[in-house]
Structures are given as structure tokens and as C-alpha cells.
């Protein structure tokens, strides 16, 4: 049996909850406000510590890039923010509302690194379904622009089953930029898209945050972090090792910072 993930809506859809989904009204924030606050987040899985006393915030209008090696706890952190996973001792708020509250959950969207989409729908049907779930009217002129930006064309009317990996990522991004929640979390969604779509996404991220929204971007693409002039948070072994707190300076290289903090020793490799 296949399980389809629409956008990782941050609460579970049960039989009696569809009415709740239909009643979603997105709340907007003005720039400069504390949108996300994570306080004292420590998370264990099977008695193994995955996250260790995580504390950070994201302001409205800010782009924050979360980087770290595989297994550093990035996705676990995101799932805690979304209340997919939770720890009773921590406190996570969205616009000063605890993330366990439905009001806070309405203000977030998670574009997962996984591409489990309802393949029996067309791209257009999928986007319209998501707008219904977030109880917003489809902005058809904006949707047309987004499909053009991402070169979807007639493919937008094809079933998702026929889409390539990159096209599935594009559909996720189109949905996020169309629905425009105050906090958009992008978890490696840019992996697999072509160079043109990457450049389009960079421009749309800037436009998105200019409207007072915030983006948490989880990525291994350090050049993208620098191109976006984003705040950088480096996570390693479950702890925040570096937080720029402000835009990177021209003389700073996120890749060099990452190497100095994560690569504790230089190893010699060979194939002999």
C-alpha cells in the first residue's frame, strides 16, 4: 500500500479532521517579528541523543540555511518544529504560539526531501487539492506565472506518475510559493532540479521574504547559501556549531567554516 505525502501538513489527517483542514486560514506576519523560536530542544531516539540543547530563532522576512552532514539531526529538528516528532521538555513557538497548537501549525508548510506525491493526480489537480486543504482560493494568475517560471507547460496537466524527480520537486515548490505560509521549510527540495529552476527559486525566495514570510532551507549546497546571502546555521552531532546571526560577509566562506567545524582531522584516501 502506498502512502502519499501532500506537503507534510503538520498534523495528521483522520476521518474527523478533514473539516479542520478545510477551515485553515493562513496567518501573515509583518517583517521583523520573531516568527520561530526553538528553546532547549533535546531529542532522543532509542536512548540515543539525536539533538542536544538546540536554541535558535527565525525572524519574519529572514532566510535561514540549515546545513550539516548526513545524520547531524537536520531532519529530526525540522520534524520537531513541525510537531511530527516532539519532546516534552522543549518549547517551540510559531509567532509566540506553541507548535502543538493548531493555530501555529496553520502557519507552516514542510516541503519534504522525499517525493511521495499522489501520482494518480495531475500536477494541476494536486495544486488545487492543496489550496482546498489550506482553504485558500487558487490565485490563477500567479499559478500560471509559476508554471511558466518552472517550465511545466502542458506537463502540468499530466499525471504525477509520469514526472521525473526534478519535476516532482518543481510541483512542491510551486505549491509552496502559491500558498505562501508565513514559515516555509524546504528540506533538500532543490536537489535534482535543473539550473534554470535553481535560479528561479533563488529569485522567488527573495520575493517571498520581502513579503514578510520566512524560509528555513535545509541544504548541502553551500554555494546556494552564499548566493542567497542567507543566515547560516551549521548543525553537527546534534548540536549547533555555528550560527552567523546575520548575513554572511563577503570574506566568509560557508564551506570553509563547515570544514573547520566538522572535519576534525584530515584523512588520506586511496584505492590501493
C-alpha atoms as a PDB file:
ATOM      1  CA  UNK A   1       0.000   0.000   0.000  1.00  0.00           C
ATOM      2  CA  UNK A   2       1.400   3.406  -0.973  1.00  0.00           C
ATOM      3  CA  UNK A   3       1.268   6.329   1.445  1.00  0.00           C
ATOM      4  CA  UNK A   4       1.152   9.705  -0.273  1.00  0.00           C
ATOM      5  CA  UNK A   5       2.566  12.844   1.298  1.00  0.00           C
ATOM      6  CA  UNK A   6       0.909  16.017   0.062  1.00  0.00           C
ATOM      7  CA  UNK A   7       3.178  18.635   1.622  1.00  0.00           C
ATOM      8  CA  UNK A   8       3.836  17.158   5.059  1.00  0.00           C
ATOM      9  CA  UNK A   9       0.904  19.033   6.554  1.00  0.00           C
ATOM     10  CA  UNK A  10       1.954  19.311  10.216  1.00  0.00           C
ATOM     11  CA  UNK A  11      -0.942  17.416  11.686  1.00  0.00           C
ATOM     12  CA  UNK A  12      -2.409  14.051  10.869  1.00  0.00           C
ATOM     13  CA  UNK A  13      -5.450  13.671   8.639  1.00  0.00           C
ATOM     14  CA  UNK A  14      -8.013  11.479  10.300  1.00  0.00           C
ATOM     15  CA  UNK A  15     -11.572  10.848   9.247  1.00  0.00           C
ATOM     16  CA  UNK A  16     -12.989  13.532  11.503  1.00  0.00           C
ATOM     17  CA  UNK A  17     -10.257  16.084  10.793  1.00  0.00           C
ATOM     18  CA  UNK A  18     -10.903  16.875   7.148  1.00  0.00           C
ATOM     19  CA  UNK A  19     -13.236  19.667   8.243  1.00  0.00           C
ATOM     20  CA  UNK A  20     -10.372  21.165  10.231  1.00  0.00           C
ATOM     21  CA  UNK A  21      -8.122  21.101   7.185  1.00  0.00           C
ATOM     22  CA  UNK A  22     -10.790  22.776   5.088  1.00  0.00           C
ATOM     23  CA  UNK A  23     -11.080  25.593   7.616  1.00  0.00           C
ATOM     24  CA  UNK A  24      -7.417  26.591   7.507  1.00  0.00           C
ATOM     25  CA  UNK A  25      -6.846  30.313   7.170  1.00  0.00           C
ATOM     26  CA  UNK A  26      -3.202  31.286   6.886  1.00  0.00           C
ATOM     27  CA  UNK A  27      -1.948  33.980   9.254  1.00  0.00           C
ATOM     28  CA  UNK A  28       0.550  36.531   7.959  1.00  0.00           C
ATOM     29  CA  UNK A  29       3.365  38.311   9.743  1.00  0.00           C
ATOM     30  CA  UNK A  30       4.936  41.684   9.265  1.00  0.00           C
ATOM     31  CA  UNK A  31       8.696  41.767   8.835  1.00  0.00           C
ATOM     32  CA  UNK A  32      10.966  41.957  11.870  1.00  0.00           C
ATOM     33  CA  UNK A  33       8.881  39.845  14.260  1.00  0.00           C
ATOM     34  CA  UNK A  34      10.102  36.682  15.928  1.00  0.00           C
ATOM     35  CA  UNK A  35       8.384  34.018  13.853  1.00  0.00           C
ATOM     36  CA  UNK A  36      10.016  30.794  15.063  1.00  0.00           C
ATOM     37  CA  UNK A  37      11.584  30.206  18.484  1.00  0.00           C
ATOM     38  CA  UNK A  38      13.209  26.904  19.443  1.00  0.00           C
ATOM     39  CA  UNK A  39      14.193  26.634  23.112  1.00  0.00           C
ATOM     40  CA  UNK A  40      16.104  23.859  24.887  1.00  0.00           C
ATOM     41  CA  UNK A  41      15.317  21.155  22.352  1.00  0.00           C
ATOM     42  CA  UNK A  42      16.937  17.822  23.223  1.00  0.00           C
ATOM     43  CA  UNK A  43      15.654  14.742  21.446  1.00  0.00           C
ATOM     44  CA  UNK A  44      16.392  11.044  21.983  1.00  0.00           C
ATOM     45  CA  UNK A  45      15.626   8.123  19.690  1.00  0.00           C
ATOM     46  CA  UNK A  46      16.003   4.640  21.176  1.00  0.00           C
ATOM     47  CA  UNK A  47      18.002   6.190  24.042  1.00  0.00           C
ATOM     48  CA  UNK A  48      20.424   7.773  21.571  1.00  0.00           C
ATOM     49  CA  UNK A  49      20.712  11.562  21.738  1.00  0.00           C
ATOM     50  CA  UNK A  50      19.935  12.990  18.302  1.00  0.00           C
ATOM     51  CA  UNK A  51      19.578  16.680  19.229  1.00  0.00           C
ATOM     52  CA  UNK A  52      21.420  18.343  22.093  1.00  0.00           C
ATOM     53  CA  UNK A  53      20.016  21.549  23.625  1.00  0.00           C
ATOM     54  CA  UNK A  54      19.066  23.336  20.402  1.00  0.00           C
ATOM     55  CA  UNK A  55      18.259  27.048  20.773  1.00  0.00           C
ATOM     56  CA  UNK A  56      17.639  29.408  17.866  1.00  0.00           C
ATOM     57  CA  UNK A  57      15.073  31.722  16.320  1.00  0.00           C
ATOM     58  CA  UNK A  58      13.954  32.854  12.883  1.00  0.00           C
ATOM     59  CA  UNK A  59      12.636  36.321  12.259  1.00  0.00           C
ATOM     60  CA  UNK A  60       9.872  37.175   9.786  1.00  0.00           C
ATOM     61  CA  UNK A  61      11.427  38.143   6.468  1.00  0.00           C
ATOM     62  CA  UNK A  62      14.535  36.033   7.075  1.00  0.00           C
ATOM     63  CA  UNK A  63      16.173  33.229   5.085  1.00  0.00           C
ATOM     64  CA  UNK A  64      17.981  30.717   7.293  1.00  0.00           C
ATOM     65  CA  UNK A  65      20.003  27.908   5.745  1.00  0.00           C
ATOM     66  CA  UNK A  66      20.438  24.832   7.924  1.00  0.00           C
ATOM     67  CA  UNK A  67      23.498  22.816   6.910  1.00  0.00           C
ATOM     68  CA  UNK A  68      25.231  19.757   8.293  1.00  0.00           C
ATOM     69  CA  UNK A  69      26.495  16.300   7.376  1.00  0.00           C
ATOM     70  CA  UNK A  70      24.186  13.320   6.958  1.00  0.00           C
ATOM     71  CA  UNK A  71      22.934  12.167  10.345  1.00  0.00           C
ATOM     72  CA  UNK A  72      23.603  15.506  12.045  1.00  0.00           C
ATOM     73  CA  UNK A  73      19.947  15.870  13.083  1.00  0.00           C
ATOM     74  CA  UNK A  74      18.644  18.332  10.474  1.00  0.00           C
ATOM     75  CA  UNK A  75      15.503  16.422   9.508  1.00  0.00           C
ATOM     76  CA  UNK A  76      14.834  15.493  13.152  1.00  0.00           C
ATOM     77  CA  UNK A  77      14.990  19.190  14.041  1.00  0.00           C
ATOM     78  CA  UNK A  78      12.580  20.060  11.246  1.00  0.00           C
ATOM     79  CA  UNK A  79      10.144  17.330  12.296  1.00  0.00           C
ATOM     80  CA  UNK A  80      10.207  18.662  15.859  1.00  0.00           C
ATOM     81  CA  UNK A  81       9.429  22.155  14.587  1.00  0.00           C
ATOM     82  CA  UNK A  82       6.524  20.717  12.608  1.00  0.00           C
ATOM     83  CA  UNK A  83       5.336  18.703  15.662  1.00  0.00           C
ATOM     84  CA  UNK A  84       5.710  15.462  13.711  1.00  0.00           C
ATOM     85  CA  UNK A  85       8.158  14.491  16.456  1.00  0.00           C
ATOM     86  CA  UNK A  86       8.119  16.150  19.865  1.00  0.00           C
ATOM     87  CA  UNK A  87       9.978  16.427  23.142  1.00  0.00           C
ATOM     88  CA  UNK A  88       8.076  17.386  26.289  1.00  0.00           C
ATOM     89  CA  UNK A  89      10.981  19.281  27.854  1.00  0.00           C
ATOM     90  CA  UNK A  90      11.467  21.726  24.963  1.00  0.00           C
ATOM     91  CA  UNK A  91       9.456  24.710  23.814  1.00  0.00           C
ATOM     92  CA  UNK A  92       8.889  25.595  20.164  1.00  0.00           C
ATOM     93  CA  UNK A  93       6.697  28.533  19.203  1.00  0.00           C
ATOM     94  CA  UNK A  94       5.459  29.949  15.911  1.00  0.00           C
ATOM     95  CA  UNK A  95       4.588  33.637  16.207  1.00  0.00           C
ATOM     96  CA  UNK A  96       4.650  33.149  20.010  1.00  0.00           C
ATOM     97  CA  UNK A  97       2.148  30.265  19.835  1.00  0.00           C
ATOM     98  CA  UNK A  98       3.316  26.774  20.862  1.00  0.00           C
ATOM     99  CA  UNK A  99       3.737  24.500  17.856  1.00  0.00           C
ATOM    100  CA  UNK A 100       1.352  21.941  19.376  1.00  0.00           C
ATOM    101  CA  UNK A 101      -1.448  24.454  18.860  1.00  0.00           C
ATOM    102  CA  UNK A 102      -3.380  24.130  15.603  1.00  0.00           C
ATOM    103  CA  UNK A 103      -3.141  27.902  15.135  1.00  0.00           C
ATOM    104  CA  UNK A 104       0.639  27.618  14.959  1.00  0.00           C
ATOM    105  CA  UNK A 105       0.551  24.586  12.702  1.00  0.00           C
ATOM    106  CA  UNK A 106      -1.577  26.515  10.232  1.00  0.00           C
ATOM    107  CA  UNK A 107       1.316  28.911   9.684  1.00  0.00           C
ATOM    108  CA  UNK A 108       3.832  26.297   8.491  1.00  0.00           C
ATOM    109  CA  UNK A 109       4.445  24.172   5.431  1.00  0.00           C
ATOM    110  CA  UNK A 110       7.110  21.484   5.035  1.00  0.00           C
ATOM    111  CA  UNK A 111       8.422  20.640   1.576  1.00  0.00           C
ATOM    112  CA  UNK A 112       9.977  17.287   2.336  1.00  0.00           C
ATOM    113  CA  UNK A 113      13.116  15.891   0.727  1.00  0.00           C
ATOM    114  CA  UNK A 114      11.007  12.841  -0.097  1.00  0.00           C
ATOM    115  CA  UNK A 115       8.781  12.950  -3.157  1.00  0.00           C
ATOM    116  CA  UNK A 116       5.845  10.791  -2.070  1.00  0.00           C
ATOM    117  CA  UNK A 117       3.156  12.583  -4.052  1.00  0.00           C
ATOM    118  CA  UNK A 118      -0.280  11.308  -5.167  1.00  0.00           C
ATOM    119  CA  UNK A 119       0.822  10.003  -8.551  1.00  0.00           C
ATOM    120  CA  UNK A 120      -2.733   9.379  -9.754  1.00  0.00           C
ATOM    121  CA  UNK A 121      -3.370  13.152  -9.823  1.00  0.00           C
ATOM    122  CA  UNK A 122      -2.194  15.622 -12.422  1.00  0.00           C
ATOM    123  CA  UNK A 123       0.049  18.441 -11.273  1.00  0.00           C
ATOM    124  CA  UNK A 124      -2.862  20.852 -11.627  1.00  0.00           C
ATOM    125  CA  UNK A 125      -5.209  18.640  -9.597  1.00  0.00           C
ATOM    126  CA  UNK A 126      -2.575  18.302  -6.892  1.00  0.00           C
ATOM    127  CA  UNK A 127      -2.083  22.060  -6.546  1.00  0.00           C
ATOM    128  CA  UNK A 128      -5.831  22.687  -6.468  1.00  0.00           C
ATOM    129  CA  UNK A 129      -6.229  19.994  -3.802  1.00  0.00           C
ATOM    130  CA  UNK A 130      -3.593  21.639  -1.626  1.00  0.00           C
ATOM    131  CA  UNK A 131      -5.263  25.032  -1.944  1.00  0.00           C
ATOM    132  CA  UNK A 132      -8.555  23.476  -0.839  1.00  0.00           C
ATOM    133  CA  UNK A 133      -6.837  21.907   2.171  1.00  0.00           C
ATOM    134  CA  UNK A 134      -5.383  25.280   3.136  1.00  0.00           C
ATOM    135  CA  UNK A 135      -8.780  26.843   2.440  1.00  0.00           C
ATOM    136  CA  UNK A 136      -7.482  29.443   0.016  1.00  0.00           C
ATOM    137  CA  UNK A 137      -8.742  30.408  -3.408  1.00  0.00           C
ATOM    138  CA  UNK A 138      -6.344  29.446  -6.168  1.00  0.00           C
ATOM    139  CA  UNK A 139      -4.570  32.548  -7.450  1.00  0.00           C
ATOM    140  CA  UNK A 140      -4.798  31.550 -11.098  1.00  0.00           C
ATOM    141  CA  UNK A 141      -2.633  34.403 -12.496  1.00  0.00           C
ATOM    142  CA  UNK A 142       0.134  33.585 -10.000  1.00  0.00           C
ATOM    143  CA  UNK A 143      -0.222  29.855 -10.666  1.00  0.00           C
ATOM    144  CA  UNK A 144       0.171  30.494 -14.390  1.00  0.00           C
ATOM    145  CA  UNK A 145       3.309  32.535 -13.720  1.00  0.00           C
ATOM    146  CA  UNK A 146       4.789  29.823 -11.507  1.00  0.00           C
ATOM    147  CA  UNK A 147       4.152  27.067 -14.046  1.00  0.00           C
ATOM    148  CA  UNK A 148       5.853  29.237 -16.665  1.00  0.00           C
ATOM    149  CA  UNK A 149       8.769  30.055 -14.362  1.00  0.00           C
ATOM    150  CA  UNK A 150       9.347  26.337 -13.772  1.00  0.00           C
ATOM    151  CA  UNK A 151       8.784  25.397 -17.436  1.00  0.00           C
ATOM    152  CA  UNK A 152       5.978  22.963 -16.637  1.00  0.00           C
ATOM    153  CA  UNK A 153       3.767  23.906 -19.604  1.00  0.00           C
ATOM    154  CA  UNK A 154       1.484  21.078 -20.720  1.00  0.00           C
ATOM    155  CA  UNK A 155       3.208  18.755 -18.260  1.00  0.00           C
ATOM    156  CA  UNK A 156       1.177  20.478 -15.564  1.00  0.00           C
ATOM    157  CA  UNK A 157      -1.858  18.598 -16.910  1.00  0.00           C
ATOM    158  CA  UNK A 158      -0.088  15.226 -16.946  1.00  0.00           C
ATOM    159  CA  UNK A 159      -0.343  12.753 -14.063  1.00  0.00           C
ATOM    160  CA  UNK A 160       2.428  12.986 -11.488  1.00  0.00           C
ATOM    161  CA  UNK A 161       3.341   9.347 -12.090  1.00  0.00           C
ATOM    162  CA  UNK A 162       4.877  10.450 -15.392  1.00  0.00           C
ATOM    163  CA  UNK A 163       7.006  13.172 -13.764  1.00  0.00           C
ATOM    164  CA  UNK A 164      10.756  12.990 -13.359  1.00  0.00           C
ATOM    165  CA  UNK A 165      12.344  13.516  -9.947  1.00  0.00           C
ATOM    166  CA  UNK A 166      13.056  17.150 -10.788  1.00  0.00           C
ATOM    167  CA  UNK A 167       9.505  17.814 -11.955  1.00  0.00           C
ATOM    168  CA  UNK A 168       8.109  16.479  -8.678  1.00  0.00           C
ATOM    169  CA  UNK A 169      10.363  18.909  -6.839  1.00  0.00           C
ATOM    170  CA  UNK A 170       9.110  21.745  -9.036  1.00  0.00           C
ATOM    171  CA  UNK A 171       5.497  20.906  -8.186  1.00  0.00           C
ATOM    172  CA  UNK A 172       6.323  21.055  -4.469  1.00  0.00           C
ATOM    173  CA  UNK A 173       7.943  24.465  -4.916  1.00  0.00           C
ATOM    174  CA  UNK A 174       5.043  25.777  -6.991  1.00  0.00           C
ATOM    175  CA  UNK A 175       2.665  24.771  -4.195  1.00  0.00           C
ATOM    176  CA  UNK A 176       4.752  26.444  -1.517  1.00  0.00           C
ATOM    177  CA  UNK A 177       5.136  29.724  -3.396  1.00  0.00           C
ATOM    178  CA  UNK A 178       1.445  29.729  -4.330  1.00  0.00           C
ATOM    179  CA  UNK A 179       0.026  29.038  -0.844  1.00  0.00           C
ATOM    180  CA  UNK A 180       2.663  31.223   0.890  1.00  0.00           C
ATOM    181  CA  UNK A 181       2.545  30.215   4.576  1.00  0.00           C
ATOM    182  CA  UNK A 182       4.427  32.546   6.935  1.00  0.00           C
ATOM    183  CA  UNK A 183       7.062  29.830   7.527  1.00  0.00           C
ATOM    184  CA  UNK A 184       8.102  27.665   4.590  1.00  0.00           C
ATOM    185  CA  UNK A 185      10.527  24.835   5.363  1.00  0.00           C
ATOM    186  CA  UNK A 186      12.392  23.472   2.340  1.00  0.00           C
ATOM    187  CA  UNK A 187      14.232  20.234   3.115  1.00  0.00           C
ATOM    188  CA  UNK A 188      16.645  19.427   0.248  1.00  0.00           C
ATOM    189  CA  UNK A 189      13.811  20.107  -2.199  1.00  0.00           C
ATOM    190  CA  UNK A 190      16.225  21.887  -4.551  1.00  0.00           C
ATOM    191  CA  UNK A 191      18.195  18.681  -5.073  1.00  0.00           C
ATOM    192  CA  UNK A 192      17.546  17.303  -8.535  1.00  0.00           C
ATOM    193  CA  UNK A 193      16.114  20.421 -10.175  1.00  0.00           C
ATOM    194  CA  UNK A 194      17.832  21.883 -13.222  1.00  0.00           C
ATOM    195  CA  UNK A 195      19.993  25.004 -13.193  1.00  0.00           C
ATOM    196  CA  UNK A 196      17.254  27.228 -14.608  1.00  0.00           C
ATOM    197  CA  UNK A 197      14.803  26.149 -11.900  1.00  0.00           C
ATOM    198  CA  UNK A 198      17.501  26.698  -9.260  1.00  0.00           C
ATOM    199  CA  UNK A 199      17.979  30.285 -10.406  1.00  0.00           C
ATOM    200  CA  UNK A 200      14.212  30.854 -10.498  1.00  0.00           C
ATOM    201  CA  UNK A 201      13.903  29.531  -6.944  1.00  0.00           C
ATOM    202  CA  UNK A 202      16.616  31.881  -5.709  1.00  0.00           C
ATOM    203  CA  UNK A 203      14.712  34.871  -7.083  1.00  0.00           C
ATOM    204  CA  UNK A 204      11.390  33.659  -5.674  1.00  0.00           C
ATOM    205  CA  UNK A 205      12.942  33.123  -2.239  1.00  0.00           C
ATOM    206  CA  UNK A 206      13.947  36.796  -2.181  1.00  0.00           C
ATOM    207  CA  UNK A 207      10.459  37.887  -3.275  1.00  0.00           C
ATOM    208  CA  UNK A 208       8.901  35.569  -0.695  1.00  0.00           C
ATOM    209  CA  UNK A 209      10.799  37.029   2.236  1.00  0.00           C
ATOM    210  CA  UNK A 210      10.236  40.599   1.030  1.00  0.00           C
ATOM    211  CA  UNK A 211       6.557  39.940   1.782  1.00  0.00           C
ATOM    212  CA  UNK A 212       7.378  39.265   5.452  1.00  0.00           C
ATOM    213  CA  UNK A 213       7.483  35.472   5.223  1.00  0.00           C
ATOM    214  CA  UNK A 214      10.422  33.361   6.404  1.00  0.00           C
ATOM    215  CA  UNK A 215      12.196  30.374   4.907  1.00  0.00           C
ATOM    216  CA  UNK A 216      14.170  27.632   6.623  1.00  0.00           C
ATOM    217  CA  UNK A 217      16.226  25.966   3.906  1.00  0.00           C
ATOM    218  CA  UNK A 218      17.927  22.660   4.663  1.00  0.00           C
ATOM    219  CA  UNK A 219      20.708  22.088   2.146  1.00  0.00           C
ATOM    220  CA  UNK A 220      24.167  20.689   1.424  1.00  0.00           C
ATOM    221  CA  UNK A 221      24.622  23.288  -1.311  1.00  0.00           C
ATOM    222  CA  UNK A 222      26.945  25.806   0.349  1.00  0.00           C
ATOM    223  CA  UNK A 223      27.208  27.901  -2.807  1.00  0.00           C
ATOM    224  CA  UNK A 224      23.445  28.445  -2.644  1.00  0.00           C
ATOM    225  CA  UNK A 225      23.745  29.672   0.952  1.00  0.00           C
ATOM    226  CA  UNK A 226      26.322  32.229  -0.117  1.00  0.00           C
ATOM    227  CA  UNK A 227      24.388  33.276  -3.229  1.00  0.00           C
ATOM    228  CA  UNK A 228      21.281  33.904  -1.126  1.00  0.00           C
ATOM    229  CA  UNK A 229      23.356  35.873   1.416  1.00  0.00           C
ATOM    230  CA  UNK A 230      21.404  33.911   3.999  1.00  0.00           C
ATOM    231  CA  UNK A 231      21.985  33.410   7.671  1.00  0.00           C
ATOM    232  CA  UNK A 232      23.795  30.109   8.134  1.00  0.00           C
ATOM    233  CA  UNK A 233      23.227  27.599  10.936  1.00  0.00           C
ATOM    234  CA  UNK A 234      25.620  24.640  10.967  1.00  0.00           C
ATOM    235  CA  UNK A 235      24.427  21.515  12.776  1.00  0.00           C
ATOM    236  CA  UNK A 236      26.803  18.689  13.643  1.00  0.00           C
ATOM    237  CA  UNK A 237      26.425  15.736  16.009  1.00  0.00           C
ATOM    238  CA  UNK A 238      23.040  17.079  17.101  1.00  0.00           C
ATOM    239  CA  UNK A 239      24.296  20.491  18.211  1.00  0.00           C
ATOM    240  CA  UNK A 240      24.513  23.921  16.625  1.00  0.00           C
ATOM    241  CA  UNK A 241      28.206  24.510  15.949  1.00  0.00           C
ATOM    242  CA  UNK A 242      27.841  27.862  14.211  1.00  0.00           C
ATOM    243  CA  UNK A 243      25.126  30.480  13.736  1.00  0.00           C
ATOM    244  CA  UNK A 244      26.093  33.524  11.707  1.00  0.00           C
ATOM    245  CA  UNK A 245      23.228  35.546  13.268  1.00  0.00           C
ATOM    246  CA  UNK A 246      23.421  37.857  10.276  1.00  0.00           C
ATOM    247  CA  UNK A 247      24.142  37.750   6.562  1.00  0.00           C
ATOM    248  CA  UNK A 248      27.462  36.225   5.675  1.00  0.00           C
ATOM    249  CA  UNK A 249      30.198  38.732   4.977  1.00  0.00           C
ATOM    250  CA  UNK A 250      31.901  38.718   1.607  1.00  0.00           C
ATOM    251  CA  UNK A 251      35.117  37.365   3.048  1.00  0.00           C
ATOM    252  CA  UNK A 252      33.393  34.428   4.732  1.00  0.00           C
ATOM    253  CA  UNK A 253      33.053  31.048   3.043  1.00  0.00           C
ATOM    254  CA  UNK A 254      30.401  28.757   4.474  1.00  0.00           C
ATOM    255  CA  UNK A 255      32.169  25.714   3.023  1.00  0.00           C
ATOM    256  CA  UNK A 256      35.428  26.626   4.798  1.00  0.00           C
ATOM    257  CA  UNK A 257      33.562  27.271   8.040  1.00  0.00           C
ATOM    258  CA  UNK A 258      31.832  23.932   7.694  1.00  0.00           C
ATOM    259  CA  UNK A 259      35.120  22.120   7.029  1.00  0.00           C
ATOM    260  CA  UNK A 260      36.840  23.720  10.011  1.00  0.00           C
ATOM    261  CA  UNK A 261      33.992  22.842  12.379  1.00  0.00           C
ATOM    262  CA  UNK A 262      33.075  19.383  11.120  1.00  0.00           C
ATOM    263  CA  UNK A 263      36.247  17.838   9.722  1.00  0.00           C
ATOM    264  CA  UNK A 264      38.231  17.313  12.895  1.00  0.00           C
ATOM    265  CA  UNK A 265      41.091  15.539  11.174  1.00  0.00           C
ATOM    266  CA  UNK A 266      42.488  15.329   7.687  1.00  0.00           C
ATOM    267  CA  UNK A 267      42.396  11.809   6.309  1.00  0.00           C
ATOM    268  CA  UNK A 268      44.362  10.341   3.450  1.00  0.00           C
ATOM    269  CA  UNK A 269      42.376   8.274   0.953  1.00  0.00           C
ATOM    270  CA  UNK A 270      43.468   5.872  -1.755  1.00  0.00           C
ATOM    271  CA  UNK A 271      42.128   2.998  -3.810  1.00  0.00           C
ATOM    272  CA  UNK A 272      45.101   0.635  -3.415  1.00  0.00           C
END
